[in-house]
Amino acid sequence: MTRSEFVALLTSRLEGVSRDKVDQAVDGIFSRIASGLAAGNRAELRGIGSFGTRQHTAHQGRNPRTGQSVAVRAKRVPFFRAGKDLRERVNQPKK
């Protein structure tokens, strides 16, 4: 599901709320999660999972096209860990 499909779904389920308002709310939620991650915090959505960051150390990489050695800087990367409820729901047998 894309972001626009998500906004359309929420708009259809929330009577009396305009698409613009729903779009602003979704944008605000995603923006808040992103700024929290940038500040080094976690974001948890109960029943769904949590967003966090992991530290990757600097290392020597290789350019796959030329084979030349390249220095890769240390960086933090975002990750998502699915919660127990989401994992169980995804792994339910189909009816």
C-alpha atoms as a PDB file:
ATOM      1  CA  MET A   1       0.000   0.000   0.000  1.00  0.00           C
ATOM      2  CA  THR A   2       1.384   3.369  -0.966  1.00  0.00           C
ATOM      3  CA  ARG A   3       1.061   6.548   1.064  1.00  0.00           C
ATOM      4  CA  SER A   4      -1.617   7.944  -1.268  1.00  0.00           C
ATOM      5  CA  GLU A   5      -3.597   4.682  -1.077  1.00  0.00           C
ATOM      6  CA  PHE A   6      -3.366   4.855   2.717  1.00  0.00           C
ATOM      7  CA  VAL A   7      -4.666   8.449   2.714  1.00  0.00           C
ATOM      8  CA  ALA A   8      -7.517   7.458   0.375  1.00  0.00           C
ATOM      9  CA  LEU A   9      -8.459   4.519   2.629  1.00  0.00           C
ATOM     10  CA  LEU A  10      -8.508   6.691   5.743  1.00  0.00           C
ATOM     11  CA  THR A  11     -10.523   9.385   3.940  1.00  0.00           C
ATOM     12  CA  SER A  12     -13.136   6.832   2.910  1.00  0.00           C
ATOM     13  CA  ARG A  13     -13.462   5.554   6.482  1.00  0.00           C
ATOM     14  CA  LEU A  14     -13.555   8.957   8.201  1.00  0.00           C
ATOM     15  CA  GLU A  15     -16.814  10.589   7.200  1.00  0.00           C
ATOM     16  CA  GLY A  16     -16.824  14.364   7.300  1.00  0.00           C
ATOM     17  CA  VAL A  17     -13.037  14.686   7.204  1.00  0.00           C
ATOM     18  CA  SER A  18     -11.538  16.094   4.019  1.00  0.00           C
ATOM     19  CA  ARG A  19      -8.725  14.404   2.119  1.00  0.00           C
ATOM     20  CA  ASP A  20      -6.514  17.440   2.800  1.00  0.00           C
ATOM     21  CA  LYS A  21      -6.965  17.083   6.576  1.00  0.00           C
ATOM     22  CA  VAL A  22      -6.217  13.349   6.443  1.00  0.00           C
ATOM     23  CA  ASP A  23      -3.170  14.029   4.261  1.00  0.00           C
ATOM     24  CA  GLN A  24      -1.908  16.613   6.766  1.00  0.00           C
ATOM     25  CA  ALA A  25      -2.424  14.189   9.657  1.00  0.00           C
ATOM     26  CA  VAL A  26      -0.580  11.339   7.905  1.00  0.00           C
ATOM     27  CA  ASP A  27       2.205  13.733   6.914  1.00  0.00           C
ATOM     28  CA  GLY A  28       2.456  14.926  10.517  1.00  0.00           C
ATOM     29  CA  ILE A  29       2.690  11.368  11.862  1.00  0.00           C
ATOM     30  CA  PHE A  30       5.378  10.330   9.375  1.00  0.00           C
ATOM     31  CA  SER A  31       7.269  13.578   9.933  1.00  0.00           C
ATOM     32  CA  ARG A  32       7.197  13.090  13.703  1.00  0.00           C
ATOM     33  CA  ILE A  33       8.498   9.509  13.390  1.00  0.00           C
ATOM     34  CA  ALA A  34      11.293  10.647  11.040  1.00  0.00           C
ATOM     35  CA  SER A  35      12.367  13.549  13.259  1.00  0.00           C
ATOM     36  CA  GLY A  36      12.358  11.274  16.307  1.00  0.00           C
ATOM     37  CA  LEU A  37      14.565   8.751  14.530  1.00  0.00           C
ATOM     38  CA  ALA A  38      16.906  11.537  13.402  1.00  0.00           C
ATOM     39  CA  ALA A  39      17.222  12.594  17.065  1.00  0.00           C
ATOM     40  CA  GLY A  40      18.147   9.020  18.030  1.00  0.00           C
ATOM     41  CA  ASN A  41      14.790   8.030  19.554  1.00  0.00           C
ATOM     42  CA  ARG A  42      12.528   5.040  18.902  1.00  0.00           C
ATOM     43  CA  ALA A  43       8.935   5.236  17.722  1.00  0.00           C
ATOM     44  CA  GLU A  44       6.524   2.508  18.806  1.00  0.00           C
ATOM     45  CA  LEU A  45       3.099   1.831  17.297  1.00  0.00           C
ATOM     46  CA  ARG A  46       1.360  -0.556  19.703  1.00  0.00           C
ATOM     47  CA  GLY A  47       0.194  -3.735  18.017  1.00  0.00           C
ATOM     48  CA  ILE A  48       2.171  -2.960  14.861  1.00  0.00           C
ATOM     49  CA  GLY A  49       5.827  -2.584  15.737  1.00  0.00           C
ATOM     50  CA  SER A  50       8.613  -0.148  16.415  1.00  0.00           C
ATOM     51  CA  PHE A  51      10.943   1.996  14.356  1.00  0.00           C
ATOM     52  CA  GLY A  52      14.521   2.535  15.450  1.00  0.00           C
ATOM     53  CA  THR A  53      17.998   3.117  14.101  1.00  0.00           C
ATOM     54  CA  ARG A  54      21.075   0.930  13.975  1.00  0.00           C
ATOM     55  CA  GLN A  55      24.668   2.065  13.802  1.00  0.00           C
ATOM     56  CA  HIS A  56      26.768   0.816  10.893  1.00  0.00           C
ATOM     57  CA  THR A  57      30.523   1.186  11.308  1.00  0.00           C
ATOM     58  CA  ALA A  58      32.853   2.610   8.686  1.00  0.00           C
ATOM     59  CA  HIS A  59      34.372  -0.017   6.399  1.00  0.00           C
ATOM     60  CA  GLN A  60      35.997  -0.578   3.043  1.00  0.00           C
ATOM     61  CA  GLY A  61      33.476  -1.302   0.301  1.00  0.00           C
ATOM     62  CA  ARG A  62      33.949  -2.162  -3.317  1.00  0.00           C
ATOM     63  CA  ASN A  63      32.514  -0.493  -6.398  1.00  0.00           C
ATOM     64  CA  PRO A  64      30.807  -3.410  -8.187  1.00  0.00           C
ATOM     65  CA  ARG A  65      31.300  -1.868 -11.615  1.00  0.00           C
ATOM     66  CA  THR A  66      35.020  -1.120 -11.397  1.00  0.00           C
ATOM     67  CA  GLY A  67      36.123  -3.310  -8.497  1.00  0.00           C
ATOM     68  CA  GLN A  68      37.853  -0.281  -6.956  1.00  0.00           C
ATOM     69  CA  SER A  69      38.012  -0.103  -3.153  1.00  0.00           C
ATOM     70  CA  VAL A  70      35.820   2.648  -1.651  1.00  0.00           C
ATOM     71  CA  ALA A  71      35.695   3.998   1.905  1.00  0.00           C
ATOM     72  CA  VAL A  72      32.169   3.778   3.344  1.00  0.00           C
ATOM     73  CA  ARG A  73      31.514   6.189   6.235  1.00  0.00           C
ATOM     74  CA  ALA A  74      29.858   5.196   9.496  1.00  0.00           C
ATOM     75  CA  LYS A  75      26.127   5.862   9.465  1.00  0.00           C
ATOM     76  CA  ARG A  76      22.840   5.204  11.207  1.00  0.00           C
ATOM     77  CA  VAL A  77      20.157   3.395   9.252  1.00  0.00           C
ATOM     78  CA  PRO A  78      16.451   3.103  10.087  1.00  0.00           C
ATOM     79  CA  PHE A  79      14.890  -0.290  10.749  1.00  0.00           C
ATOM     80  CA  PHE A  80      11.447  -1.627  11.600  1.00  0.00           C
ATOM     81  CA  ARG A  81      10.758  -4.449  14.030  1.00  0.00           C
ATOM     82  CA  ALA A  82       7.288  -5.974  13.681  1.00  0.00           C
ATOM     83  CA  GLY A  83       5.322  -6.435  16.891  1.00  0.00           C
ATOM     84  CA  LYS A  84       3.951  -9.751  18.098  1.00  0.00           C
ATOM     85  CA  ASP A  85       0.345  -8.989  17.059  1.00  0.00           C
ATOM     86  CA  LEU A  86       1.396  -8.062  13.512  1.00  0.00           C
ATOM     87  CA  ARG A  87       3.623 -11.136  13.157  1.00  0.00           C
ATOM     88  CA  GLU A  88       0.818 -13.427  14.327  1.00  0.00           C
ATOM     89  CA  ARG A  89      -1.710 -11.798  12.016  1.00  0.00           C
ATOM     90  CA  VAL A  90       0.598 -12.074   8.996  1.00  0.00           C
ATOM     91  CA  ASN A  91       1.318 -15.738   9.758  1.00  0.00           C
ATOM     92  CA  GLN A  92      -2.315 -16.799  10.244  1.00  0.00           C
ATOM     93  CA  PRO A  93      -3.380 -19.542   7.866  1.00  0.00           C
ATOM     94  CA  LYS A  94      -5.614 -18.318   5.042  1.00  0.00           C
ATOM     95  CA  LYS A  95      -9.283 -19.211   5.372  1.00  0.00           C
END
